[in-house]
Amino acid sequence: MIRVSIPSYHKVVEDNNDSYTAFIIEVCVVATGKTLSVQKRYSEFEMLHKQLKKQIKTPEFPPKKMMKFSNKVLEQRRLALQTYLQGVALADKIPKILLHFLDVEQYMYHGSQDSLDQLDVSNRTTHQSMIAFPPEVYLQDNRNGSWDIVSAGVLAALYNNVEDLVVR
Protein backbone atom coordinates (compact mmCIF):
# COMPACT_ATOMS: atom_id res chain seq x y z
CA MET A 1 0.00 0.00 0.00
CA ILE A 2 1.17 3.51 -0.76
CA ARG A 3 -0.06 6.95 0.19
CA VAL A 4 0.21 9.67 -2.44
CA SER A 5 -0.21 13.43 -2.27
CA ILE A 6 0.70 16.42 -4.40
CA PRO A 7 1.38 19.17 -1.87
CA SER A 8 2.77 21.74 -4.29
CA TYR A 9 3.91 22.71 -7.76
CA HIS A 10 6.45 25.11 -9.21
CA LYS A 11 7.48 26.61 -12.52
CA VAL A 12 10.54 25.13 -14.24
CA VAL A 13 12.45 27.18 -16.81
CA GLU A 14 14.56 25.19 -19.25
CA ASP A 15 17.84 26.33 -20.83
CA ASN A 16 16.01 27.44 -23.99
CA ASN A 17 13.70 29.65 -21.84
CA ASP A 18 10.72 27.32 -22.32
CA SER A 19 8.83 26.74 -19.10
CA TYR A 20 6.44 24.21 -17.65
CA THR A 21 4.78 23.45 -14.32
CA ALA A 22 6.22 20.59 -12.28
CA PHE A 23 3.98 18.94 -9.70
CA ILE A 24 5.71 17.68 -6.54
CA ILE A 25 4.43 14.21 -5.65
CA GLU A 26 5.08 12.83 -2.17
CA VAL A 27 4.85 9.06 -1.82
CA CYS A 28 4.88 7.04 1.40
CA VAL A 29 5.36 3.27 1.16
CA VAL A 30 3.33 2.17 4.18
CA ALA A 31 4.97 -1.26 4.58
CA THR A 32 8.48 0.20 4.90
CA GLY A 33 7.75 3.73 6.09
CA LYS A 34 9.91 5.06 3.25
CA THR A 35 8.86 8.51 1.99
CA LEU A 36 10.12 10.09 -1.20
CA SER A 37 9.36 12.96 -3.49
CA VAL A 38 9.24 13.08 -7.30
CA GLN A 39 8.43 15.82 -9.81
CA LYS A 40 6.23 15.24 -12.84
CA ARG A 41 4.73 17.50 -15.45
CA TYR A 42 1.17 17.26 -16.72
CA SER A 43 2.20 15.53 -19.96
CA GLU A 44 3.76 12.69 -17.92
CA PHE A 45 0.47 12.30 -16.02
CA GLU A 46 -1.31 12.10 -19.40
CA MET A 47 1.00 9.32 -20.60
CA LEU A 48 0.44 7.44 -17.33
CA HIS A 49 -3.33 7.77 -17.72
CA LYS A 50 -3.23 6.40 -21.29
CA GLN A 51 -1.26 3.36 -20.11
CA LEU A 52 -3.44 2.77 -17.04
CA LYS A 53 -6.67 2.90 -19.10
CA LYS A 54 -5.46 -0.22 -20.91
CA GLN A 55 -5.05 -2.12 -17.62
CA ILE A 56 -7.65 -0.88 -15.13
CA LYS A 57 -10.76 1.24 -14.76
CA THR A 58 -9.31 4.63 -13.92
CA PRO A 59 -10.77 7.57 -12.03
CA GLU A 60 -11.68 10.71 -13.99
CA PHE A 61 -8.58 12.41 -15.38
CA PRO A 62 -8.38 16.23 -15.26
CA PRO A 63 -8.73 17.82 -18.72
CA LYS A 64 -5.84 19.47 -20.50
CA LYS A 65 -7.81 22.45 -21.77
CA MET A 66 -7.25 25.46 -19.57
CA MET A 67 -8.09 29.08 -20.31
CA LYS A 68 -5.10 30.60 -18.52
CA PHE A 69 -2.41 29.39 -16.19
CA SER A 70 -3.26 31.39 -13.10
CA ASN A 71 -2.43 30.20 -9.59
CA LYS A 72 -6.10 29.37 -9.01
CA VAL A 73 -6.27 27.19 -12.12
CA LEU A 74 -2.97 25.47 -11.29
CA GLU A 75 -4.20 24.79 -7.77
CA GLN A 76 -7.37 23.18 -9.19
CA ARG A 77 -5.24 21.03 -11.49
CA ARG A 78 -2.97 20.05 -8.57
CA LEU A 79 -5.98 18.92 -6.53
CA ALA A 80 -7.49 17.04 -9.49
CA LEU A 81 -4.20 15.23 -10.21
CA GLN A 82 -3.85 14.35 -6.52
CA THR A 83 -7.38 12.93 -6.45
CA TYR A 84 -6.62 10.94 -9.60
CA LEU A 85 -3.41 9.42 -8.18
CA GLN A 86 -5.06 8.61 -4.86
CA GLY A 87 -7.91 6.88 -6.69
CA VAL A 88 -5.49 4.69 -8.65
CA ALA A 89 -3.39 3.95 -5.53
CA LEU A 90 -6.45 2.73 -3.60
CA ALA A 91 -7.01 -0.20 -5.96
CA ASP A 92 -6.64 -3.71 -4.50
CA LYS A 93 -3.87 -4.33 -6.99
CA ILE A 94 -1.55 -1.39 -7.59
CA PRO A 95 -0.48 -1.37 -11.26
CA LYS A 96 3.26 -1.75 -11.75
CA ILE A 97 3.18 1.18 -14.20
CA LEU A 98 2.06 3.48 -11.34
CA LEU A 99 4.91 2.26 -9.10
CA HIS A 100 7.33 2.92 -11.94
CA PHE A 101 5.84 6.40 -12.52
CA LEU A 102 6.30 7.21 -8.82
CA ASP A 103 9.82 5.70 -8.69
CA VAL A 104 8.91 3.39 -5.78
CA GLU A 105 9.33 -0.04 -7.38
CA GLN A 106 12.57 -0.74 -5.52
CA TYR A 107 10.83 -0.16 -2.17
CA MET A 108 7.93 -2.52 -2.89
CA TYR A 109 9.53 -5.76 -4.09
CA HIS A 110 11.96 -8.29 -2.68
CA GLY A 111 12.98 -10.22 -5.75
CA SER A 112 12.51 -10.06 -9.48
CA GLN A 113 10.36 -7.19 -10.66
CA ASP A 114 10.25 -8.28 -14.29
CA SER A 115 7.77 -11.11 -13.73
CA LEU A 116 5.26 -9.02 -11.79
CA ASP A 117 2.54 -7.17 -13.66
CA GLN A 118 0.76 -5.92 -10.58
CA LEU A 119 1.41 -5.83 -6.88
CA ASP A 120 -1.24 -7.43 -4.68
CA VAL A 121 -1.64 -5.38 -1.50
CA SER A 122 -5.02 -6.76 -0.40
CA ASN A 123 -3.50 -9.14 2.17
CA ARG A 124 -0.71 -6.90 3.36
CA THR A 125 -0.58 -5.83 7.01
CA THR A 126 -0.52 -2.07 7.39
CA HIS A 127 0.24 -1.80 11.10
CA GLN A 128 3.25 -2.36 13.29
CA SER A 129 3.48 -4.52 16.39
CA MET A 130 2.64 -2.66 19.57
CA ILE A 131 3.57 -5.27 22.17
CA ALA A 132 5.93 -8.19 22.11
CA PHE A 133 6.95 -10.83 24.62
CA PRO A 134 10.52 -12.09 24.65
CA PRO A 135 10.71 -15.91 24.39
CA GLU A 136 12.34 -16.21 27.83
CA VAL A 137 9.47 -14.49 29.68
CA TYR A 138 7.94 -17.83 30.65
CA LEU A 139 11.28 -19.23 31.80
CA GLN A 140 11.74 -16.60 34.52
CA ASP A 141 11.27 -17.50 38.17
CA ASN A 142 8.22 -15.66 39.53
CA ARG A 143 8.07 -17.30 42.97
CA ASN A 144 8.49 -14.01 44.81
CA GLY A 145 4.82 -13.16 44.24
CA SER A 146 5.27 -10.50 41.56
CA TRP A 147 3.49 -11.27 38.34
CA ASP A 148 3.51 -9.27 35.16
CA ILE A 149 -0.05 -7.97 34.83
CA VAL A 150 0.15 -7.83 31.04
CA SER A 151 1.24 -11.48 30.86
CA ALA A 152 -1.48 -12.47 33.30
CA GLY A 153 -4.12 -10.61 31.30
CA VAL A 154 -3.05 -12.16 28.02
CA LEU A 155 -2.98 -15.66 29.46
CA ALA A 156 -6.37 -15.18 31.12
CA ALA A 157 -7.86 -13.88 27.87
CA LEU A 158 -6.40 -16.75 25.85
CA TYR A 159 -7.60 -19.42 28.23
CA ASN A 160 -10.89 -17.74 29.30
CA ASN A 161 -9.93 -17.80 32.95
CA VAL A 162 -11.31 -14.51 34.30
CA GLU A 163 -10.69 -15.51 37.95
CA ASP A 164 -6.93 -15.26 37.33
CA LEU A 165 -7.36 -11.53 36.68
CA VAL A 166 -8.53 -10.88 40.23
CA VAL A 167 -5.68 -9.77 42.49
CA ARG A 168 -5.62 -11.85 45.65
C-alpha atoms as a PDB file:
ATOM      1  CA  MET A   1       0.000   0.000   0.000  1.00  0.00           C
ATOM      2  CA  ILE A   2       1.165   3.506  -0.760  1.00  0.00           C
ATOM      3  CA  ARG A   3      -0.055   6.951   0.187  1.00  0.00           C
ATOM      4  CA  VAL A   4       0.213   9.672  -2.436  1.00  0.00           C
ATOM      5  CA  SER A   5      -0.208  13.425  -2.272  1.00  0.00           C
ATOM      6  CA  ILE A   6       0.697  16.419  -4.396  1.00  0.00           C
ATOM      7  CA  PRO A   7       1.381  19.168  -1.865  1.00  0.00           C
ATOM      8  CA  SER A   8       2.771  21.741  -4.295  1.00  0.00           C
ATOM      9  CA  TYR A   9       3.912  22.713  -7.763  1.00  0.00           C
ATOM     10  CA  HIS A  10       6.452  25.105  -9.213  1.00  0.00           C
ATOM     11  CA  LYS A  11       7.483  26.613 -12.517  1.00  0.00           C
ATOM     12  CA  VAL A  12      10.541  25.125 -14.237  1.00  0.00           C
ATOM     13  CA  VAL A  13      12.450  27.182 -16.814  1.00  0.00           C
ATOM     14  CA  GLU A  14      14.562  25.186 -19.246  1.00  0.00           C
ATOM     15  CA  ASP A  15      17.838  26.328 -20.828  1.00  0.00           C
ATOM     16  CA  ASN A  16      16.009  27.441 -23.987  1.00  0.00           C
ATOM     17  CA  ASN A  17      13.699  29.649 -21.839  1.00  0.00           C
ATOM     18  CA  ASP A  18      10.721  27.321 -22.317  1.00  0.00           C
ATOM     19  CA  SER A  19       8.830  26.738 -19.095  1.00  0.00           C
ATOM     20  CA  TYR A  20       6.441  24.210 -17.652  1.00  0.00           C
ATOM     21  CA  THR A  21       4.784  23.445 -14.325  1.00  0.00           C
ATOM     22  CA  ALA A  22       6.219  20.588 -12.280  1.00  0.00           C
ATOM     23  CA  PHE A  23       3.981  18.944  -9.695  1.00  0.00           C
ATOM     24  CA  ILE A  24       5.712  17.684  -6.542  1.00  0.00           C
ATOM     25  CA  ILE A  25       4.425  14.210  -5.646  1.00  0.00           C
ATOM     26  CA  GLU A  26       5.077  12.830  -2.170  1.00  0.00           C
ATOM     27  CA  VAL A  27       4.847   9.060  -1.824  1.00  0.00           C
ATOM     28  CA  CYS A  28       4.875   7.040   1.396  1.00  0.00           C
ATOM     29  CA  VAL A  29       5.360   3.271   1.164  1.00  0.00           C
ATOM     30  CA  VAL A  30       3.333   2.169   4.180  1.00  0.00           C
ATOM     31  CA  ALA A  31       4.973  -1.256   4.581  1.00  0.00           C
ATOM     32  CA  THR A  32       8.481   0.197   4.898  1.00  0.00           C
ATOM     33  CA  GLY A  33       7.746   3.735   6.088  1.00  0.00           C
ATOM     34  CA  LYS A  34       9.909   5.064   3.255  1.00  0.00           C
ATOM     35  CA  THR A  35       8.863   8.509   1.990  1.00  0.00           C
ATOM     36  CA  LEU A  36      10.119  10.088  -1.196  1.00  0.00           C
ATOM     37  CA  SER A  37       9.356  12.964  -3.491  1.00  0.00           C
ATOM     38  CA  VAL A  38       9.237  13.081  -7.305  1.00  0.00           C
ATOM     39  CA  GLN A  39       8.434  15.816  -9.810  1.00  0.00           C
ATOM     40  CA  LYS A  40       6.235  15.240 -12.845  1.00  0.00           C
ATOM     41  CA  ARG A  41       4.730  17.497 -15.450  1.00  0.00           C
ATOM     42  CA  TYR A  42       1.171  17.264 -16.716  1.00  0.00           C
ATOM     43  CA  SER A  43       2.204  15.529 -19.963  1.00  0.00           C
ATOM     44  CA  GLU A  44       3.760  12.693 -17.920  1.00  0.00           C
ATOM     45  CA  PHE A  45       0.467  12.296 -16.021  1.00  0.00           C
ATOM     46  CA  GLU A  46      -1.311  12.101 -19.397  1.00  0.00           C
ATOM     47  CA  MET A  47       1.000   9.320 -20.597  1.00  0.00           C
ATOM     48  CA  LEU A  48       0.441   7.436 -17.331  1.00  0.00           C
ATOM     49  CA  HIS A  49      -3.327   7.769 -17.718  1.00  0.00           C
ATOM     50  CA  LYS A  50      -3.235   6.397 -21.288  1.00  0.00           C
ATOM     51  CA  GLN A  51      -1.257   3.362 -20.113  1.00  0.00           C
ATOM     52  CA  LEU A  52      -3.437   2.772 -17.042  1.00  0.00           C
ATOM     53  CA  LYS A  53      -6.671   2.899 -19.097  1.00  0.00           C
ATOM     54  CA  LYS A  54      -5.457  -0.215 -20.914  1.00  0.00           C
ATOM     55  CA  GLN A  55      -5.045  -2.120 -17.621  1.00  0.00           C
ATOM     56  CA  ILE A  56      -7.649  -0.881 -15.129  1.00  0.00           C
ATOM     57  CA  LYS A  57     -10.755   1.240 -14.764  1.00  0.00           C
ATOM     58  CA  THR A  58      -9.311   4.634 -13.916  1.00  0.00           C
ATOM     59  CA  PRO A  59     -10.774   7.573 -12.035  1.00  0.00           C
ATOM     60  CA  GLU A  60     -11.676  10.706 -13.992  1.00  0.00           C
ATOM     61  CA  PHE A  61      -8.581  12.412 -15.377  1.00  0.00           C
ATOM     62  CA  PRO A  62      -8.382  16.232 -15.261  1.00  0.00           C
ATOM     63  CA  PRO A  63      -8.733  17.816 -18.716  1.00  0.00           C
ATOM     64  CA  LYS A  64      -5.844  19.465 -20.498  1.00  0.00           C
ATOM     65  CA  LYS A  65      -7.810  22.446 -21.767  1.00  0.00           C
ATOM     66  CA  MET A  66      -7.255  25.460 -19.575  1.00  0.00           C
ATOM     67  CA  MET A  67      -8.090  29.076 -20.313  1.00  0.00           C
ATOM     68  CA  LYS A  68      -5.105  30.600 -18.522  1.00  0.00           C
ATOM     69  CA  PHE A  69      -2.415  29.390 -16.193  1.00  0.00           C
ATOM     70  CA  SER A  70      -3.260  31.393 -13.102  1.00  0.00           C
ATOM     71  CA  ASN A  71      -2.435  30.203  -9.585  1.00  0.00           C
ATOM     72  CA  LYS A  72      -6.101  29.368  -9.008  1.00  0.00           C
ATOM     73  CA  VAL A  73      -6.270  27.191 -12.119  1.00  0.00           C
ATOM     74  CA  LEU A  74      -2.968  25.467 -11.294  1.00  0.00           C
ATOM     75  CA  GLU A  75      -4.205  24.788  -7.773  1.00  0.00           C
ATOM     76  CA  GLN A  76      -7.370  23.175  -9.191  1.00  0.00           C
ATOM     77  CA  ARG A  77      -5.240  21.027 -11.490  1.00  0.00           C
ATOM     78  CA  ARG A  78      -2.973  20.048  -8.566  1.00  0.00           C
ATOM     79  CA  LEU A  79      -5.983  18.919  -6.532  1.00  0.00           C
ATOM     80  CA  ALA A  80      -7.489  17.039  -9.488  1.00  0.00           C
ATOM     81  CA  LEU A  81      -4.200  15.227 -10.206  1.00  0.00           C
ATOM     82  CA  GLN A  82      -3.854  14.352  -6.519  1.00  0.00           C
ATOM     83  CA  THR A  83      -7.384  12.932  -6.449  1.00  0.00           C
ATOM     84  CA  TYR A  84      -6.619  10.945  -9.600  1.00  0.00           C
ATOM     85  CA  LEU A  85      -3.410   9.416  -8.177  1.00  0.00           C
ATOM     86  CA  GLN A  86      -5.060   8.610  -4.859  1.00  0.00           C
ATOM     87  CA  GLY A  87      -7.906   6.877  -6.688  1.00  0.00           C
ATOM     88  CA  VAL A  88      -5.494   4.685  -8.646  1.00  0.00           C
ATOM     89  CA  ALA A  89      -3.386   3.951  -5.534  1.00  0.00           C
ATOM     90  CA  LEU A  90      -6.454   2.732  -3.599  1.00  0.00           C
ATOM     91  CA  ALA A  91      -7.008  -0.197  -5.961  1.00  0.00           C
ATOM     92  CA  ASP A  92      -6.645  -3.706  -4.498  1.00  0.00           C
ATOM     93  CA  LYS A  93      -3.867  -4.330  -6.991  1.00  0.00           C
ATOM     94  CA  ILE A  94      -1.552  -1.394  -7.595  1.00  0.00           C
ATOM     95  CA  PRO A  95      -0.481  -1.369 -11.255  1.00  0.00           C
ATOM     96  CA  LYS A  96       3.257  -1.749 -11.754  1.00  0.00           C
ATOM     97  CA  ILE A  97       3.185   1.177 -14.196  1.00  0.00           C
ATOM     98  CA  LEU A  98       2.064   3.476 -11.340  1.00  0.00           C
ATOM     99  CA  LEU A  99       4.906   2.260  -9.105  1.00  0.00           C
ATOM    100  CA  HIS A 100       7.329   2.923 -11.939  1.00  0.00           C
ATOM    101  CA  PHE A 101       5.841   6.401 -12.521  1.00  0.00           C
ATOM    102  CA  LEU A 102       6.296   7.213  -8.818  1.00  0.00           C
ATOM    103  CA  ASP A 103       9.815   5.702  -8.691  1.00  0.00           C
ATOM    104  CA  VAL A 104       8.906   3.395  -5.781  1.00  0.00           C
ATOM    105  CA  GLU A 105       9.330  -0.040  -7.380  1.00  0.00           C
ATOM    106  CA  GLN A 106      12.568  -0.744  -5.520  1.00  0.00           C
ATOM    107  CA  TYR A 107      10.833  -0.156  -2.174  1.00  0.00           C
ATOM    108  CA  MET A 108       7.933  -2.522  -2.894  1.00  0.00           C
ATOM    109  CA  TYR A 109       9.528  -5.764  -4.093  1.00  0.00           C
ATOM    110  CA  HIS A 110      11.956  -8.293  -2.679  1.00  0.00           C
ATOM    111  CA  GLY A 111      12.975 -10.224  -5.746  1.00  0.00           C
ATOM    112  CA  SER A 112      12.509 -10.063  -9.484  1.00  0.00           C
ATOM    113  CA  GLN A 113      10.359  -7.194 -10.660  1.00  0.00           C
ATOM    114  CA  ASP A 114      10.246  -8.282 -14.287  1.00  0.00           C
ATOM    115  CA  SER A 115       7.766 -11.111 -13.734  1.00  0.00           C
ATOM    116  CA  LEU A 116       5.258  -9.022 -11.787  1.00  0.00           C
ATOM    117  CA  ASP A 117       2.537  -7.172 -13.660  1.00  0.00           C
ATOM    118  CA  GLN A 118       0.759  -5.915 -10.581  1.00  0.00           C
ATOM    119  CA  LEU A 119       1.409  -5.825  -6.879  1.00  0.00           C
ATOM    120  CA  ASP A 120      -1.243  -7.434  -4.680  1.00  0.00           C
ATOM    121  CA  VAL A 121      -1.640  -5.385  -1.502  1.00  0.00           C
ATOM    122  CA  SER A 122      -5.016  -6.759  -0.402  1.00  0.00           C
ATOM    123  CA  ASN A 123      -3.500  -9.145   2.170  1.00  0.00           C
ATOM    124  CA  ARG A 124      -0.710  -6.900   3.360  1.00  0.00           C
ATOM    125  CA  THR A 125      -0.579  -5.834   7.006  1.00  0.00           C
ATOM    126  CA  THR A 126      -0.516  -2.073   7.391  1.00  0.00           C
ATOM    127  CA  HIS A 127       0.239  -1.801  11.097  1.00  0.00           C
ATOM    128  CA  GLN A 128       3.252  -2.358  13.294  1.00  0.00           C
ATOM    129  CA  SER A 129       3.485  -4.523  16.389  1.00  0.00           C
ATOM    130  CA  MET A 130       2.645  -2.662  19.573  1.00  0.00           C
ATOM    131  CA  ILE A 131       3.567  -5.272  22.166  1.00  0.00           C
ATOM    132  CA  ALA A 132       5.929  -8.191  22.114  1.00  0.00           C
ATOM    133  CA  PHE A 133       6.953 -10.827  24.621  1.00  0.00           C
ATOM    134  CA  PRO A 134      10.519 -12.092  24.652  1.00  0.00           C
ATOM    135  CA  PRO A 135      10.711 -15.907  24.390  1.00  0.00           C
ATOM    136  CA  GLU A 136      12.341 -16.212  27.831  1.00  0.00           C
ATOM    137  CA  VAL A 137       9.469 -14.487  29.685  1.00  0.00           C
ATOM    138  CA  TYR A 138       7.937 -17.827  30.649  1.00  0.00           C
ATOM    139  CA  LEU A 139      11.281 -19.229  31.804  1.00  0.00           C
ATOM    140  CA  GLN A 140      11.737 -16.598  34.515  1.00  0.00           C
ATOM    141  CA  ASP A 141      11.266 -17.504  38.172  1.00  0.00           C
ATOM    142  CA  ASN A 142       8.216 -15.656  39.529  1.00  0.00           C
ATOM    143  CA  ARG A 143       8.065 -17.302  42.971  1.00  0.00           C
ATOM    144  CA  ASN A 144       8.489 -14.013  44.807  1.00  0.00           C
ATOM    145  CA  GLY A 145       4.816 -13.161  44.238  1.00  0.00           C
ATOM    146  CA  SER A 146       5.270 -10.501  41.560  1.00  0.00           C
ATOM    147  CA  TRP A 147       3.493 -11.274  38.343  1.00  0.00           C
ATOM    148  CA  ASP A 148       3.511  -9.267  35.156  1.00  0.00           C
ATOM    149  CA  ILE A 149      -0.053  -7.970  34.834  1.00  0.00           C
ATOM    150  CA  VAL A 150       0.152  -7.833  31.038  1.00  0.00           C
ATOM    151  CA  SER A 151       1.244 -11.483  30.861  1.00  0.00           C
ATOM    152  CA  ALA A 152      -1.484 -12.472  33.298  1.00  0.00           C
ATOM    153  CA  GLY A 153      -4.120 -10.611  31.301  1.00  0.00           C
ATOM    154  CA  VAL A 154      -3.051 -12.155  28.018  1.00  0.00           C
ATOM    155  CA  LEU A 155      -2.985 -15.658  29.464  1.00  0.00           C
ATOM    156  CA  ALA A 156      -6.368 -15.177  31.118  1.00  0.00           C
ATOM    157  CA  ALA A 157      -7.856 -13.884  27.866  1.00  0.00           C
ATOM    158  CA  LEU A 158      -6.395 -16.748  25.853  1.00  0.00           C
ATOM    159  CA  TYR A 159      -7.596 -19.422  28.230  1.00  0.00           C
ATOM    160  CA  ASN A 160     -10.887 -17.744  29.300  1.00  0.00           C
ATOM    161  CA  ASN A 161      -9.929 -17.796  32.951  1.00  0.00           C
ATOM    162  CA  VAL A 162     -11.309 -14.515  34.299  1.00  0.00           C
ATOM    163  CA  GLU A 163     -10.690 -15.505  37.946  1.00  0.00           C
ATOM    164  CA  ASP A 164      -6.928 -15.261  37.326  1.00  0.00           C
ATOM    165  CA  LEU A 165      -7.356 -11.534  36.680  1.00  0.00           C
ATOM    166  CA  VAL A 166      -8.528 -10.882  40.235  1.00  0.00           C
ATOM    167  CA  VAL A 167      -5.675  -9.770  42.488  1.00  0.00           C
ATOM    168  CA  ARG A 168      -5.620 -11.847  45.652  1.00  0.00           C
END
